[in-house]
Amino acid sequence: MSKLKLIIQREFIAKVRNKSFIMMTFLSPILMIGMGFLVVFLMKKNDEKIKDIVYVDNSGMFSKEDFKDTKTIHYKDYTLLGAEETKKKVEDGNYFGALIIPKKDSLEILSKSIEFYSKDSPGMSLMEALENKIEQKIRNSKLTNFGIDLAKIEASKINTEIKMYNFSGEESSKLINGLKIGLGSIAGYLLMMFVIIYGNSVMRSVIEEKTSRIIEVIVSSVKPFQLMMGKIIGNASAGLLQFFIWGILLLILTTVASAVFGVNVVEMQTARVPAEQLGAAQQAIEPDKMQLLIQEILRLPILKMFILFIFYFLGGFMLYSSLFAAVGAAVDNETDTQQFMLPIMMPLMLGVYVGFATVMNDPHGSMAVLFSYIPFTSSIVMLMRVPFGVSWYELAISMTILLLTFIFMVWLAAKIYRVGILMYGKKPTYKDLYKWIKYKG
């Protein structure tokens, strides 16, 4: 244990004293905040850009009321000019595009015959807005042709809201599901990035020691299992310290920057949300519902979630780090690691995709439960499930399997490690790794 402690201390100190580690620890939050403000600034600038669109309505169905100007789109009626002349004028002028609505005998044919011409490729949101306007007008015209009163259809619309309660009689909120999905997604992505960054760090550390031949001195004093375990725990400790510092700095910088520059933090989080969806979401969050949402957040098992987050965070990292260390011991340089990286990265990526495909729709479904037991995906999938509430027996099964698999993989990787670190000048294959695992010397 004393040797293991020394190895952990050595790896931790070597990592935190590294200049790149210190620079990235303090520069990364600044870059994140800067990028967030840049996104908000660019989004605002993009919203300020006005697009002038002209339309030619040969069908006679549309009016100025159907093409009302918005904040970013201005419409002009060029029907009298004609389609061909309008296209030439738009091509030679400063208009963004031309919408040509032909005259057709059938509404069905008309809906498939409308054309839009522009110099630059229009965005999806613009085309969807145009299609929605035209679709609504054609649908209303078709209903009128059927003799249906549009006013009665409009009056018949009614919003239904199902109130949610648990069996103890406490009211819940649909908005809390979005929060749970967000927490689970962030946790899953953080783990994936943590494994990629610090797993590669463990691998590079092993390669450096191997190429410098210092490893030959080290293995004469400690067992490969102890050396691997020390490297993994040391790097994990340095990574957790860096994440903790990032969290504090991000909180401080966000607060200061928001106060100094007057940028709302919410704008940074919703910069990529379409204006229509954002407006609907803001209307949905009424004061009483917001209070209910806050109460729901406070009822979340924050302490339990934090403890499980740390366990699966460390468990997943250590499991994959043992594989990264084995790969580092098997090769002489980073170029040779590529052939071994795909089998390691595939389960990691699978966990993220499975999490989004299953947990978001049914966090307690059979597929979500299954992948939260499989050790190579459980650290990500279970982290995504935890905010939705997971029974203790499921957690016990998942945690036990992950812990046992980690110990087994470290033992297995150590068998590769003890042979690989002393092998030079030979590009290993999967067959060689299998032989090293079977080696009993």
Foldseek 3Di string as FASTA:
>chain_A
DVVLVVLLVVLQVVQCPDPVLVCCLPVVLVVVVVVLVVLLVVLVVVLQAAAEEEEAAQQPQDDCVLVDDDSRYDYHYPNVVPDVSVQVCQVPDDHAKYKYQHHDPDLVVRLVPIDMDGPDDDDPVVVVVVNVSSVVSSVVVVCVVVVHDVVVVVVPDDDDDDWDDDPVGDTADPVVLVVLQVQLLVLLVVLLVLLVVLLLVLLVVLLVCLLVVVVVVVCVPDALLSNLVSNLSSSVVNSVVSVVSSVVVNVVVVVVCCVPVVDDPVCSVCSPPDPVVVVVVVVVCDPVNVVNSVVNVVPFPVVVLVVLSVLLSSLLNLQLSLVSNLLSLQDNDPVLSVVVVVVSCVLSVVLSVLLVVDCSVPCPDPSLLVQCQPLSNVSSSVNSSPRVPDDPVSVVNNSVSSVVSSVVSSVQSSLSNVPSSNDPDDRDDPVVSVVSSPDDD
